[in-house]
Amino acid sequence: MADQRNEPVVVIGLGRFGTAIASELTRRGTEVLAIDESVKVVQGLSGHLTQVVAADCTDIATLRELGVDEFYRAVVAVGTDIEASILITSSRVELEVEDVWAKAITSHHGRILERVGATHVVFPEREAGERVAHLVSGQLLDYLQVDDDFAIAKIHPPHYVVGLPLGQTKIRSKFGITVVAVKSGDEPFTYAAADTELAYDDTILVTGRVNDIDRFVGMT
């Protein structure tokens, strides 16, 4: 199978979520066809995106005329209009688009999108809410949940591990997490090793199960 990592992408729906995806893909050098039903939205983005078109995204014939059926990957970023989101996603089979990422508002919406053809369903509002919930405690500097029960967190080291080689702290056996990288001051992150010694002002990246990270952070 050919490498599909930098294939052109069609982004359908140019609200905040869709625009952010289309803009970032464009910035990274990926060819993007961006489509939205609003002429006003398209006009506002015409100077920022190379290919941006106003069209009825729920009409398969229109999508075919725009060449959507020639794309390997599509993002259906329509969210608030659930009916349109489902109709557009369901066109995946007829248009033979292999890889479809679809935005969902609710769990029920997400299940329907999966049934009608989405290969990936994302919940940007819910995921952002979960991330912020972990950050508002003030103990985490950043947080990314990468699976249902696994995450990466950026924190300052707990006081009891400062000044000791990581291998002697037994963090992994005590908490089930791993310190993977450390950053001192303005220096870039470097991989952590057994002989790495942490300072109070260091920033560390830890990985592990969500509950284990929460328990470890509670010790800071």
N, C-alpha and C. Protein backbone atom coordinates (compact mmCIF):
# COMPACT_ATOMS: atom_id res chain seq x y z
N MET A 1 0.84 -1.20 0.00
CA MET A 1 0.00 0.00 0.00
C MET A 1 0.88 1.25 0.00
N ALA A 2 0.50 2.24 -0.78
CA ALA A 2 1.27 3.47 -0.86
C ALA A 2 1.21 4.22 0.46
N ASP A 3 2.25 5.03 0.72
CA ASP A 3 2.30 5.83 1.93
C ASP A 3 1.26 6.94 1.84
N GLN A 4 0.29 6.94 2.78
CA GLN A 4 -0.80 7.91 2.72
C GLN A 4 -0.61 9.06 3.70
N ARG A 5 0.57 9.15 4.34
CA ARG A 5 0.73 10.11 5.43
C ARG A 5 0.62 11.56 4.98
N ASN A 6 1.03 11.89 3.77
CA ASN A 6 0.97 13.28 3.33
C ASN A 6 0.04 13.45 2.14
N GLU A 7 -0.95 12.57 2.05
CA GLU A 7 -1.95 12.68 0.99
C GLU A 7 -2.78 13.95 1.20
N PRO A 8 -3.30 14.53 0.12
CA PRO A 8 -4.21 15.68 0.26
C PRO A 8 -5.41 15.31 1.14
N VAL A 9 -5.96 16.29 1.83
CA VAL A 9 -7.08 16.08 2.75
C VAL A 9 -8.21 17.03 2.40
N VAL A 10 -9.44 16.53 2.42
CA VAL A 10 -10.59 17.41 2.26
C VAL A 10 -11.19 17.65 3.64
N VAL A 11 -11.42 18.91 3.97
CA VAL A 11 -12.03 19.29 5.25
C VAL A 11 -13.40 19.89 4.96
N ILE A 12 -14.44 19.27 5.50
CA ILE A 12 -15.81 19.70 5.24
C ILE A 12 -16.38 20.30 6.52
N GLY A 13 -16.72 21.59 6.45
CA GLY A 13 -17.21 22.30 7.62
C GLY A 13 -16.12 23.18 8.19
N LEU A 14 -16.31 24.49 8.12
CA LEU A 14 -15.24 25.42 8.49
C LEU A 14 -15.64 26.31 9.66
N GLY A 15 -16.12 25.67 10.71
CA GLY A 15 -16.26 26.35 11.98
C GLY A 15 -14.89 26.45 12.62
N ARG A 16 -14.83 26.73 13.91
CA ARG A 16 -13.53 26.87 14.58
C ARG A 16 -12.70 25.60 14.46
N PHE A 17 -13.34 24.44 14.64
CA PHE A 17 -12.64 23.17 14.61
C PHE A 17 -12.11 22.87 13.21
N GLY A 18 -12.98 22.95 12.22
CA GLY A 18 -12.57 22.65 10.85
C GLY A 18 -11.54 23.63 10.32
N THR A 19 -11.70 24.92 10.66
CA THR A 19 -10.74 25.92 10.21
C THR A 19 -9.37 25.68 10.82
N ALA A 20 -9.36 25.31 12.10
CA ALA A 20 -8.08 25.03 12.77
C ALA A 20 -7.36 23.86 12.11
N ILE A 21 -8.12 22.82 11.77
CA ILE A 21 -7.51 21.65 11.12
C ILE A 21 -6.99 22.02 9.74
N ALA A 22 -7.82 22.69 8.95
CA ALA A 22 -7.41 23.05 7.59
C ALA A 22 -6.19 23.98 7.61
N SER A 23 -6.17 24.92 8.53
CA SER A 23 -5.06 25.88 8.61
C SER A 23 -3.77 25.18 9.01
N GLU A 24 -3.86 24.29 10.00
CA GLU A 24 -2.65 23.61 10.46
C GLU A 24 -2.12 22.65 9.40
N LEU A 25 -3.01 21.94 8.72
CA LEU A 25 -2.57 21.05 7.65
C LEU A 25 -1.87 21.85 6.54
N THR A 26 -2.46 22.99 6.20
CA THR A 26 -1.86 23.85 5.18
C THR A 26 -0.49 24.34 5.62
N ARG A 27 -0.39 24.77 6.87
CA ARG A 27 0.89 25.26 7.39
C ARG A 27 1.96 24.19 7.32
N ARG A 28 1.56 22.93 7.49
CA ARG A 28 2.51 21.82 7.48
C ARG A 28 2.78 21.30 6.07
N GLY A 29 2.22 21.94 5.07
CA GLY A 29 2.53 21.58 3.69
C GLY A 29 1.61 20.55 3.07
N THR A 30 0.52 20.20 3.75
CA THR A 30 -0.45 19.25 3.19
C THR A 30 -1.44 19.99 2.31
N GLU A 31 -1.71 19.44 1.13
CA GLU A 31 -2.70 20.05 0.24
C GLU A 31 -4.09 19.83 0.82
N VAL A 32 -4.88 20.90 0.94
CA VAL A 32 -6.19 20.84 1.57
C VAL A 32 -7.25 21.42 0.64
N LEU A 33 -8.35 20.69 0.50
CA LEU A 33 -9.56 21.24 -0.11
C LEU A 33 -10.54 21.48 1.03
N ALA A 34 -10.88 22.74 1.29
CA ALA A 34 -11.77 23.10 2.38
C ALA A 34 -13.12 23.51 1.82
N ILE A 35 -14.19 22.96 2.40
CA ILE A 35 -15.55 23.20 1.89
C ILE A 35 -16.48 23.61 3.02
N ASP A 36 -17.30 24.61 2.76
CA ASP A 36 -18.32 25.02 3.72
C ASP A 36 -19.52 25.55 2.95
N GLU A 37 -20.70 25.43 3.52
CA GLU A 37 -21.89 25.89 2.82
C GLU A 37 -22.03 27.42 2.85
N SER A 38 -21.32 28.08 3.77
CA SER A 38 -21.45 29.53 3.93
C SER A 38 -20.49 30.28 3.01
N VAL A 39 -21.05 31.09 2.13
CA VAL A 39 -20.23 31.93 1.24
C VAL A 39 -19.42 32.91 2.07
N LYS A 40 -20.02 33.45 3.12
CA LYS A 40 -19.33 34.43 3.97
C LYS A 40 -18.10 33.81 4.64
N VAL A 41 -18.25 32.59 5.13
CA VAL A 41 -17.12 31.91 5.77
C VAL A 41 -16.01 31.65 4.76
N VAL A 42 -16.38 31.18 3.59
CA VAL A 42 -15.40 30.88 2.54
C VAL A 42 -14.66 32.14 2.11
N GLN A 43 -15.38 33.24 1.95
CA GLN A 43 -14.74 34.50 1.57
C GLN A 43 -13.75 34.95 2.63
N GLY A 44 -14.10 34.74 3.90
CA GLY A 44 -13.21 35.13 4.98
C GLY A 44 -11.93 34.32 5.04
N LEU A 45 -11.96 33.10 4.49
CA LEU A 45 -10.79 32.22 4.55
C LEU A 45 -10.03 32.15 3.22
N SER A 46 -10.54 32.83 2.21
CA SER A 46 -9.93 32.70 0.87
C SER A 46 -8.49 33.16 0.83
N GLY A 47 -8.10 34.06 1.71
CA GLY A 47 -6.72 34.51 1.71
C GLY A 47 -5.81 33.68 2.59
N HIS A 48 -6.39 32.72 3.31
CA HIS A 48 -5.62 31.91 4.25
C HIS A 48 -5.47 30.45 3.80
N LEU A 49 -6.45 29.96 3.05
CA LEU A 49 -6.41 28.59 2.57
C LEU A 49 -6.34 28.58 1.05
N THR A 50 -5.54 27.68 0.51
CA THR A 50 -5.32 27.66 -0.94
C THR A 50 -6.57 27.30 -1.72
N GLN A 51 -7.27 26.24 -1.29
CA GLN A 51 -8.47 25.79 -1.97
C GLN A 51 -9.63 25.79 -0.99
N VAL A 52 -10.50 26.78 -1.09
CA VAL A 52 -11.67 26.85 -0.20
C VAL A 52 -12.89 27.17 -1.04
N VAL A 53 -13.94 26.35 -0.89
CA VAL A 53 -15.09 26.39 -1.78
C VAL A 53 -16.38 26.45 -0.97
N ALA A 54 -17.34 27.23 -1.45
CA ALA A 54 -18.69 27.25 -0.87
C ALA A 54 -19.56 26.28 -1.65
N ALA A 55 -20.15 25.32 -0.95
CA ALA A 55 -20.97 24.32 -1.63
C ALA A 55 -21.87 23.62 -0.62
N ASP A 56 -22.92 22.99 -1.13
CA ASP A 56 -23.80 22.17 -0.31
C ASP A 56 -23.11 20.84 -0.03
N CYS A 57 -22.60 20.70 1.17
CA CYS A 57 -21.79 19.52 1.49
C CYS A 57 -22.61 18.25 1.68
N THR A 58 -23.93 18.38 1.76
CA THR A 58 -24.77 17.20 1.95
C THR A 58 -25.15 16.56 0.62
N ASP A 59 -24.81 17.20 -0.49
CA ASP A 59 -25.17 16.68 -1.81
C ASP A 59 -24.01 15.89 -2.40
N ILE A 60 -24.21 14.60 -2.59
CA ILE A 60 -23.13 13.74 -3.07
C ILE A 60 -22.66 14.15 -4.46
N ALA A 61 -23.60 14.54 -5.31
CA ALA A 61 -23.22 14.94 -6.68
C ALA A 61 -22.29 16.15 -6.64
N THR A 62 -22.57 17.08 -5.74
CA THR A 62 -21.73 18.27 -5.60
C THR A 62 -20.34 17.89 -5.11
N LEU A 63 -20.30 17.01 -4.12
CA LEU A 63 -19.01 16.57 -3.59
C LEU A 63 -18.20 15.85 -4.67
N ARG A 64 -18.90 15.08 -5.49
CA ARG A 64 -18.20 14.38 -6.57
C ARG A 64 -17.66 15.37 -7.61
N GLU A 65 -18.45 16.42 -7.91
CA GLU A 65 -17.99 17.44 -8.85
C GLU A 65 -16.75 18.16 -8.33
N LEU A 66 -16.66 18.30 -7.01
CA LEU A 66 -15.50 18.95 -6.40
C LEU A 66 -14.30 18.02 -6.30
N GLY A 67 -14.50 16.75 -6.66
CA GLY A 67 -13.40 15.80 -6.65
C GLY A 67 -13.13 15.15 -5.31
N VAL A 68 -14.13 15.20 -4.41
CA VAL A 68 -13.93 14.60 -3.09
C VAL A 68 -13.69 13.09 -3.20
N ASP A 69 -14.27 12.46 -4.21
CA ASP A 69 -14.10 11.02 -4.38
C ASP A 69 -12.67 10.65 -4.78
N GLU A 70 -11.84 11.64 -5.08
CA GLU A 70 -10.44 11.37 -5.43
C GLU A 70 -9.52 11.45 -4.21
N PHE A 71 -10.08 11.80 -3.05
CA PHE A 71 -9.29 11.93 -1.83
C PHE A 71 -9.27 10.63 -1.06
N TYR A 72 -8.13 10.34 -0.45
CA TYR A 72 -8.02 9.17 0.44
C TYR A 72 -8.58 9.49 1.82
N ARG A 73 -8.38 10.76 2.26
CA ARG A 73 -8.71 11.12 3.65
C ARG A 73 -9.60 12.36 3.68
N ALA A 74 -10.61 12.32 4.57
CA ALA A 74 -11.51 13.46 4.73
C ALA A 74 -11.78 13.71 6.21
N VAL A 75 -12.02 14.98 6.53
CA VAL A 75 -12.43 15.36 7.88
C VAL A 75 -13.81 15.99 7.77
N VAL A 76 -14.78 15.39 8.46
CA VAL A 76 -16.13 15.97 8.52
C VAL A 76 -16.20 16.75 9.83
N ALA A 77 -16.00 18.06 9.73
CA ALA A 77 -15.91 18.90 10.93
C ALA A 77 -17.22 19.60 11.25
N VAL A 78 -18.29 19.20 10.58
CA VAL A 78 -19.62 19.73 10.88
C VAL A 78 -20.07 19.15 12.21
N GLY A 79 -20.50 20.00 13.13
CA GLY A 79 -20.87 19.48 14.44
C GLY A 79 -22.27 19.85 14.88
N THR A 80 -22.61 21.12 14.86
CA THR A 80 -23.89 21.56 15.42
C THR A 80 -25.08 21.06 14.59
N ASP A 81 -24.93 20.95 13.29
CA ASP A 81 -25.99 20.40 12.45
C ASP A 81 -25.77 18.88 12.35
N ILE A 82 -26.35 18.17 13.30
CA ILE A 82 -26.10 16.73 13.41
C ILE A 82 -26.60 15.99 12.17
N GLU A 83 -27.75 16.40 11.64
CA GLU A 83 -28.27 15.73 10.44
C GLU A 83 -27.30 15.85 9.28
N ALA A 84 -26.78 17.07 9.07
CA ALA A 84 -25.81 17.28 7.99
C ALA A 84 -24.54 16.47 8.23
N SER A 85 -24.10 16.42 9.48
CA SER A 85 -22.91 15.65 9.82
C SER A 85 -23.08 14.18 9.44
N ILE A 86 -24.24 13.63 9.74
CA ILE A 86 -24.51 12.22 9.45
C ILE A 86 -24.61 12.00 7.94
N LEU A 87 -25.31 12.89 7.25
CA LEU A 87 -25.47 12.74 5.80
C LEU A 87 -24.12 12.80 5.09
N ILE A 88 -23.28 13.75 5.49
CA ILE A 88 -21.97 13.89 4.84
C ILE A 88 -21.11 12.68 5.12
N THR A 89 -21.09 12.23 6.36
CA THR A 89 -20.28 11.07 6.73
C THR A 89 -20.75 9.82 5.99
N SER A 90 -22.05 9.67 5.85
CA SER A 90 -22.59 8.48 5.19
C SER A 90 -22.23 8.43 3.71
N SER A 91 -21.85 9.56 3.12
CA SER A 91 -21.48 9.58 1.71
C SER A 91 -20.12 8.94 1.48
N ARG A 92 -19.41 8.63 2.58
CA ARG A 92 -18.07 8.03 2.46
C ARG A 92 -18.08 6.78 1.60
N VAL A 93 -19.08 5.91 1.79
CA VAL A 93 -19.11 4.63 1.09
C VAL A 93 -19.27 4.85 -0.41
N GLU A 94 -20.23 5.70 -0.79
CA GLU A 94 -20.48 5.93 -2.20
C GLU A 94 -19.32 6.66 -2.87
N LEU A 95 -18.68 7.57 -2.13
CA LEU A 95 -17.56 8.32 -2.70
C LEU A 95 -16.25 7.54 -2.61
N GLU A 96 -16.26 6.45 -1.85
CA GLU A 96 -15.10 5.57 -1.69
C GLU A 96 -13.91 6.30 -1.07
N VAL A 97 -14.18 7.17 -0.11
CA VAL A 97 -13.13 7.81 0.67
C VAL A 97 -12.74 6.84 1.78
N GLU A 98 -11.49 6.45 1.83
CA GLU A 98 -11.07 5.38 2.72
C GLU A 98 -11.04 5.77 4.19
N ASP A 99 -10.56 6.98 4.47
CA ASP A 99 -10.28 7.36 5.86
C ASP A 99 -11.05 8.63 6.20
N VAL A 100 -12.07 8.49 7.06
CA VAL A 100 -12.93 9.63 7.40
C VAL A 100 -12.88 9.90 8.90
N TRP A 101 -12.48 11.11 9.24
CA TRP A 101 -12.48 11.59 10.62
C TRP A 101 -13.70 12.49 10.79
N ALA A 102 -14.55 12.18 11.76
CA ALA A 102 -15.79 12.93 11.93
C ALA A 102 -15.91 13.48 13.35
N LYS A 103 -16.34 14.73 13.44
CA LYS A 103 -16.56 15.39 14.72
C LYS A 103 -17.93 15.01 15.27
N ALA A 104 -17.98 14.65 16.55
CA ALA A 104 -19.24 14.31 17.21
C ALA A 104 -19.48 15.25 18.38
N ILE A 105 -20.76 15.51 18.65
CA ILE A 105 -21.14 16.37 19.77
C ILE A 105 -21.47 15.55 21.01
N THR A 106 -22.13 14.42 20.80
CA THR A 106 -22.54 13.55 21.91
C THR A 106 -22.11 12.11 21.62
N SER A 107 -22.17 11.28 22.64
CA SER A 107 -21.83 9.86 22.46
C SER A 107 -22.78 9.20 21.47
N HIS A 108 -24.07 9.54 21.55
CA HIS A 108 -25.06 8.97 20.62
C HIS A 108 -24.74 9.40 19.18
N HIS A 109 -24.42 10.66 19.00
CA HIS A 109 -24.02 11.17 17.68
C HIS A 109 -22.80 10.40 17.18
N GLY A 110 -21.82 10.18 18.06
CA GLY A 110 -20.62 9.45 17.68
C GLY A 110 -20.91 8.03 17.24
N ARG A 111 -21.80 7.35 17.95
CA ARG A 111 -22.15 5.96 17.57
C ARG A 111 -22.80 5.92 16.20
N ILE A 112 -23.65 6.89 15.90
CA ILE A 112 -24.29 6.93 14.58
C ILE A 112 -23.25 7.17 13.50
N LEU A 113 -22.32 8.07 13.75
CA LEU A 113 -21.27 8.36 12.76
C LEU A 113 -20.45 7.11 12.47
N GLU A 114 -20.14 6.33 13.49
CA GLU A 114 -19.41 5.08 13.28
C GLU A 114 -20.20 4.11 12.42
N ARG A 115 -21.50 4.04 12.67
CA ARG A 115 -22.35 3.09 11.93
C ARG A 115 -22.51 3.47 10.46
N VAL A 116 -22.49 4.78 10.17
CA VAL A 116 -22.71 5.19 8.78
C VAL A 116 -21.42 5.35 7.99
N GLY A 117 -20.26 5.14 8.63
CA GLY A 117 -19.05 5.11 7.82
C GLY A 117 -17.82 5.80 8.36
N ALA A 118 -17.92 6.53 9.49
CA ALA A 118 -16.72 7.20 10.01
C ALA A 118 -15.71 6.16 10.48
N THR A 119 -14.48 6.34 10.09
CA THR A 119 -13.43 5.43 10.55
C THR A 119 -12.80 5.92 11.86
N HIS A 120 -12.95 7.22 12.13
CA HIS A 120 -12.47 7.81 13.39
C HIS A 120 -13.51 8.84 13.83
N VAL A 121 -13.88 8.81 15.10
CA VAL A 121 -14.81 9.80 15.65
C VAL A 121 -14.09 10.56 16.75
N VAL A 122 -14.16 11.88 16.70
CA VAL A 122 -13.50 12.72 17.71
C VAL A 122 -14.54 13.58 18.41
N PHE A 123 -14.26 13.87 19.68
CA PHE A 123 -15.15 14.68 20.51
C PHE A 123 -14.35 15.88 21.03
N PRO A 124 -14.10 16.89 20.20
CA PRO A 124 -13.21 17.98 20.60
C PRO A 124 -13.64 18.72 21.85
N GLU A 125 -14.95 19.00 22.01
CA GLU A 125 -15.40 19.71 23.20
C GLU A 125 -15.21 18.86 24.45
N ARG A 126 -15.59 17.59 24.37
CA ARG A 126 -15.45 16.72 25.53
C ARG A 126 -13.98 16.52 25.90
N GLU A 127 -13.14 16.30 24.87
CA GLU A 127 -11.72 16.08 25.13
C GLU A 127 -11.07 17.33 25.71
N ALA A 128 -11.47 18.51 25.21
CA ALA A 128 -10.93 19.75 25.76
C ALA A 128 -11.38 19.94 27.20
N GLY A 129 -12.63 19.58 27.48
CA GLY A 129 -13.14 19.70 28.84
C GLY A 129 -12.41 18.80 29.82
N GLU A 130 -12.13 17.57 29.38
CA GLU A 130 -11.40 16.63 30.24
C GLU A 130 -9.99 17.14 30.51
N ARG A 131 -9.36 17.71 29.48
CA ARG A 131 -8.01 18.23 29.65
C ARG A 131 -8.00 19.39 30.63
N VAL A 132 -8.93 20.33 30.44
CA VAL A 132 -8.98 21.50 31.33
C VAL A 132 -9.28 21.08 32.75
N ALA A 133 -10.13 20.07 32.92
CA ALA A 133 -10.47 19.61 34.27
C ALA A 133 -9.22 19.15 35.01
N HIS A 134 -8.28 18.55 34.30
CA HIS A 134 -7.03 18.11 34.93
C HIS A 134 -6.09 19.29 35.19
N LEU A 135 -6.24 20.37 34.42
CA LEU A 135 -5.33 21.49 34.56
C LEU A 135 -5.76 22.50 35.62
N VAL A 136 -7.07 22.60 35.87
CA VAL A 136 -7.55 23.65 36.77
C VAL A 136 -7.11 23.43 38.21
N SER A 137 -6.66 22.24 38.53
CA SER A 137 -6.17 21.99 39.89
C SER A 137 -4.92 22.80 40.19
N GLY A 138 -4.21 23.21 39.12
CA GLY A 138 -3.00 23.99 39.29
C GLY A 138 -1.76 23.14 39.48
N GLN A 139 -1.91 21.82 39.58
CA GLN A 139 -0.76 20.95 39.80
C GLN A 139 -0.14 20.46 38.50
N LEU A 140 -0.93 20.48 37.43
CA LEU A 140 -0.44 20.04 36.12
C LEU A 140 -0.13 21.25 35.25
N LEU A 141 0.98 21.18 34.53
CA LEU A 141 1.33 22.23 33.58
C LEU A 141 0.71 21.96 32.21
N ASP A 142 0.55 20.69 31.88
CA ASP A 142 -0.12 20.30 30.65
C ASP A 142 -0.51 18.84 30.78
N TYR A 143 -1.45 18.42 29.93
CA TYR A 143 -2.01 17.07 30.08
C TYR A 143 -2.58 16.63 28.74
N LEU A 144 -2.29 15.38 28.38
CA LEU A 144 -2.83 14.82 27.14
C LEU A 144 -3.20 13.36 27.39
N GLN A 145 -4.49 13.06 27.26
CA GLN A 145 -4.94 11.68 27.39
C GLN A 145 -4.86 11.02 26.01
N VAL A 146 -4.05 9.97 25.90
CA VAL A 146 -3.80 9.36 24.60
C VAL A 146 -4.58 8.08 24.38
N ASP A 147 -5.27 7.61 25.40
CA ASP A 147 -6.13 6.43 25.29
C ASP A 147 -7.16 6.53 26.40
N ASP A 148 -8.07 5.56 26.48
CA ASP A 148 -9.12 5.63 27.48
C ASP A 148 -8.57 5.76 28.89
N ASP A 149 -7.44 5.13 29.16
CA ASP A 149 -6.91 5.15 30.52
C ASP A 149 -5.39 5.34 30.54
N PHE A 150 -4.88 6.12 29.61
CA PHE A 150 -3.44 6.35 29.56
C PHE A 150 -3.19 7.80 29.14
N ALA A 151 -2.23 8.46 29.80
CA ALA A 151 -2.03 9.88 29.56
C ALA A 151 -0.56 10.26 29.68
N ILE A 152 -0.26 11.46 29.19
CA ILE A 152 1.04 12.10 29.37
C ILE A 152 0.79 13.40 30.12
N ALA A 153 1.58 13.66 31.16
CA ALA A 153 1.40 14.89 31.94
C ALA A 153 2.73 15.62 32.08
N LYS A 154 2.64 16.95 32.08
CA LYS A 154 3.81 17.79 32.31
C LYS A 154 3.66 18.44 33.68
N ILE A 155 4.63 18.22 34.56
CA ILE A 155 4.54 18.72 35.93
C ILE A 155 5.92 19.13 36.43
N HIS A 156 5.94 19.79 37.58
CA HIS A 156 7.18 19.97 38.32
C HIS A 156 7.36 18.74 39.21
N PRO A 157 8.59 18.30 39.47
CA PRO A 157 8.80 17.07 40.25
C PRO A 157 8.39 17.24 41.71
N PRO A 158 7.84 16.20 42.32
CA PRO A 158 7.55 16.23 43.75
C PRO A 158 8.83 16.45 44.54
N HIS A 159 8.71 17.06 45.69
CA HIS A 159 9.90 17.43 46.47
C HIS A 159 10.73 16.22 46.88
N TYR A 160 10.06 15.08 47.10
CA TYR A 160 10.79 13.93 47.65
C TYR A 160 11.66 13.21 46.62
N VAL A 161 11.55 13.57 45.31
CA VAL A 161 12.41 12.95 44.31
C VAL A 161 13.54 13.89 43.88
N VAL A 162 13.52 15.12 44.36
CA VAL A 162 14.53 16.10 43.98
C VAL A 162 15.88 15.73 44.59
N GLY A 163 16.91 15.80 43.75
CA GLY A 163 18.26 15.54 44.23
C GLY A 163 18.66 14.09 44.27
N LEU A 164 17.73 13.20 43.88
CA LEU A 164 18.04 11.77 43.85
C LEU A 164 18.08 11.28 42.41
N PRO A 165 18.96 10.34 42.07
CA PRO A 165 18.89 9.72 40.74
C PRO A 165 17.52 9.04 40.59
N LEU A 166 16.92 9.19 39.42
CA LEU A 166 15.58 8.62 39.21
C LEU A 166 15.53 7.14 39.52
N GLY A 167 16.61 6.44 39.25
CA GLY A 167 16.63 5.01 39.52
C GLY A 167 16.45 4.67 40.98
N GLN A 168 16.79 5.62 41.86
CA GLN A 168 16.64 5.37 43.31
C GLN A 168 15.28 5.79 43.85
N THR A 169 14.53 6.55 43.10
CA THR A 169 13.23 7.04 43.58
C THR A 169 12.14 5.97 43.52
N LYS A 170 12.34 4.96 42.67
CA LYS A 170 11.37 3.87 42.51
C LYS A 170 9.96 4.38 42.17
N ILE A 171 9.93 5.45 41.36
CA ILE A 171 8.64 6.02 40.98
C ILE A 171 7.77 5.01 40.25
N ARG A 172 8.40 4.24 39.37
CA ARG A 172 7.60 3.31 38.57
C ARG A 172 7.00 2.20 39.42
N SER A 173 7.78 1.66 40.36
CA SER A 173 7.26 0.57 41.19
C SER A 173 6.24 1.08 42.21
N LYS A 174 6.40 2.32 42.67
CA LYS A 174 5.49 2.87 43.66
C LYS A 174 4.18 3.39 43.05
N PHE A 175 4.29 4.02 41.88
CA PHE A 175 3.13 4.68 41.30
C PHE A 175 2.68 4.12 39.95
N GLY A 176 3.51 3.28 39.34
CA GLY A 176 3.14 2.72 38.04
C GLY A 176 3.29 3.69 36.90
N ILE A 177 4.06 4.76 37.08
CA ILE A 177 4.27 5.73 36.01
C ILE A 177 5.75 5.79 35.65
N THR A 178 6.05 6.42 34.53
CA THR A 178 7.43 6.54 34.06
C THR A 178 7.75 7.99 33.75
N VAL A 179 8.88 8.46 34.25
CA VAL A 179 9.38 9.79 33.88
C VAL A 179 10.16 9.62 32.57
N VAL A 180 9.68 10.24 31.51
CA VAL A 180 10.28 10.00 30.19
C VAL A 180 11.19 11.14 29.73
N ALA A 181 10.98 12.34 30.25
CA ALA A 181 11.81 13.46 29.81
C ALA A 181 11.87 14.52 30.89
N VAL A 182 12.93 15.33 30.82
CA VAL A 182 13.13 16.39 31.81
C VAL A 182 13.64 17.64 31.11
N LYS A 183 13.21 18.79 31.63
CA LYS A 183 13.61 20.08 31.06
C LYS A 183 14.06 20.99 32.20
N SER A 184 15.24 21.54 32.08
CA SER A 184 15.78 22.44 33.10
C SER A 184 15.82 23.86 32.55
N GLY A 185 15.09 24.78 33.17
CA GLY A 185 15.08 26.17 32.74
C GLY A 185 14.65 26.32 31.29
N ASP A 186 15.45 27.05 30.54
CA ASP A 186 15.13 27.28 29.13
C ASP A 186 15.72 26.23 28.19
N GLU A 187 16.36 25.22 28.77
CA GLU A 187 16.93 24.15 27.95
C GLU A 187 15.82 23.30 27.32
N PRO A 188 16.09 22.64 26.20
CA PRO A 188 15.08 21.75 25.61
C PRO A 188 14.92 20.49 26.44
N PHE A 189 13.82 19.78 26.23
CA PHE A 189 13.60 18.51 26.91
C PHE A 189 14.66 17.50 26.49
N THR A 190 15.11 16.68 27.42
CA THR A 190 16.01 15.57 27.13
C THR A 190 15.42 14.32 27.76
N TYR A 191 15.77 13.16 27.21
CA TYR A 191 15.26 11.91 27.76
C TYR A 191 15.80 11.68 29.17
N ALA A 192 14.93 11.21 30.03
CA ALA A 192 15.34 10.91 31.40
C ALA A 192 16.01 9.54 31.45
N ALA A 193 16.98 9.41 32.34
CA ALA A 193 17.68 8.14 32.53
C ALA A 193 17.72 7.81 34.02
N ALA A 194 18.19 6.61 34.31
CA ALA A 194 18.21 6.17 35.71
C ALA A 194 19.07 7.07 36.58
N ASP A 195 20.12 7.69 35.99
CA ASP A 195 21.02 8.53 36.78
C ASP A 195 20.65 10.02 36.72
N THR A 196 19.51 10.34 36.09
CA THR A 196 19.06 11.73 36.02
C THR A 196 18.64 12.23 37.40
N GLU A 197 19.16 13.37 37.80
CA GLU A 197 18.77 13.98 39.07
C GLU A 197 17.92 15.22 38.79
N LEU A 198 16.81 15.35 39.48
CA LEU A 198 15.87 16.43 39.25
C LEU A 198 16.06 17.57 40.24
N ALA A 199 15.77 18.79 39.76
CA ALA A 199 15.79 19.97 40.62
C ALA A 199 14.35 20.48 40.79
N TYR A 200 14.13 21.32 41.81
CA TYR A 200 12.79 21.79 42.11
C TYR A 200 12.13 22.51 40.93
N ASP A 201 12.91 23.27 40.19
CA ASP A 201 12.34 24.06 39.10
C ASP A 201 12.31 23.32 37.77
N ASP A 202 12.73 22.07 37.74
CA ASP A 202 12.67 21.29 36.52
C ASP A 202 11.22 21.04 36.10
N THR A 203 11.05 20.74 34.83
CA THR A 203 9.76 20.29 34.31
C THR A 203 9.94 18.87 33.80
N ILE A 204 9.04 17.98 34.17
CA ILE A 204 9.16 16.58 33.74
C ILE A 204 7.91 16.14 32.99
N LEU A 205 8.10 15.20 32.08
CA LEU A 205 6.99 14.53 31.40
C LEU A 205 6.87 13.13 31.97
N VAL A 206 5.66 12.80 32.42
CA VAL A 206 5.43 11.46 32.95
C VAL A 206 4.31 10.80 32.15
N THR A 207 4.38 9.47 32.01
CA THR A 207 3.34 8.72 31.32
C THR A 207 2.83 7.62 32.24
N GLY A 208 1.57 7.25 32.05
CA GLY A 208 1.01 6.18 32.85
C GLY A 208 -0.50 6.21 32.82
N ARG A 209 -1.11 5.35 33.60
CA ARG A 209 -2.56 5.32 33.69
C ARG A 209 -3.06 6.59 34.37
N VAL A 210 -4.24 7.03 33.98
CA VAL A 210 -4.77 8.30 34.47
C VAL A 210 -4.81 8.35 35.98
N ASN A 211 -5.35 7.31 36.61
CA ASN A 211 -5.45 7.30 38.07
C ASN A 211 -4.08 7.32 38.73
N ASP A 212 -3.11 6.64 38.13
CA ASP A 212 -1.76 6.60 38.69
C ASP A 212 -1.10 7.98 38.61
N ILE A 213 -1.31 8.66 37.48
CA ILE A 213 -0.78 10.03 37.36
C ILE A 213 -1.43 10.95 38.39
N ASP A 214 -2.75 10.84 38.54
CA ASP A 214 -3.44 11.68 39.53
C ASP A 214 -2.91 11.42 40.93
N ARG A 215 -2.64 10.17 41.23
CA ARG A 215 -2.13 9.82 42.57
C ARG A 215 -0.71 10.38 42.76
N PHE A 216 0.11 10.28 41.69
CA PHE A 216 1.46 10.81 41.77
C PHE A 216 1.46 12.33 41.90
N VAL A 217 0.62 12.99 41.12
CA VAL A 217 0.54 14.44 41.17
C VAL A 217 0.06 14.90 42.55
N GLY A 218 -0.78 14.11 43.18
CA GLY A 218 -1.26 14.46 44.52
C GLY A 218 -0.16 14.50 45.55
N MET A 219 1.01 13.92 45.23
CA MET A 219 2.12 13.92 46.15
C MET A 219 3.01 15.15 46.00
N THR A 220 2.72 15.98 44.95
CA THR A 220 3.59 17.15 44.70
C THR A 220 3.31 18.24 45.72
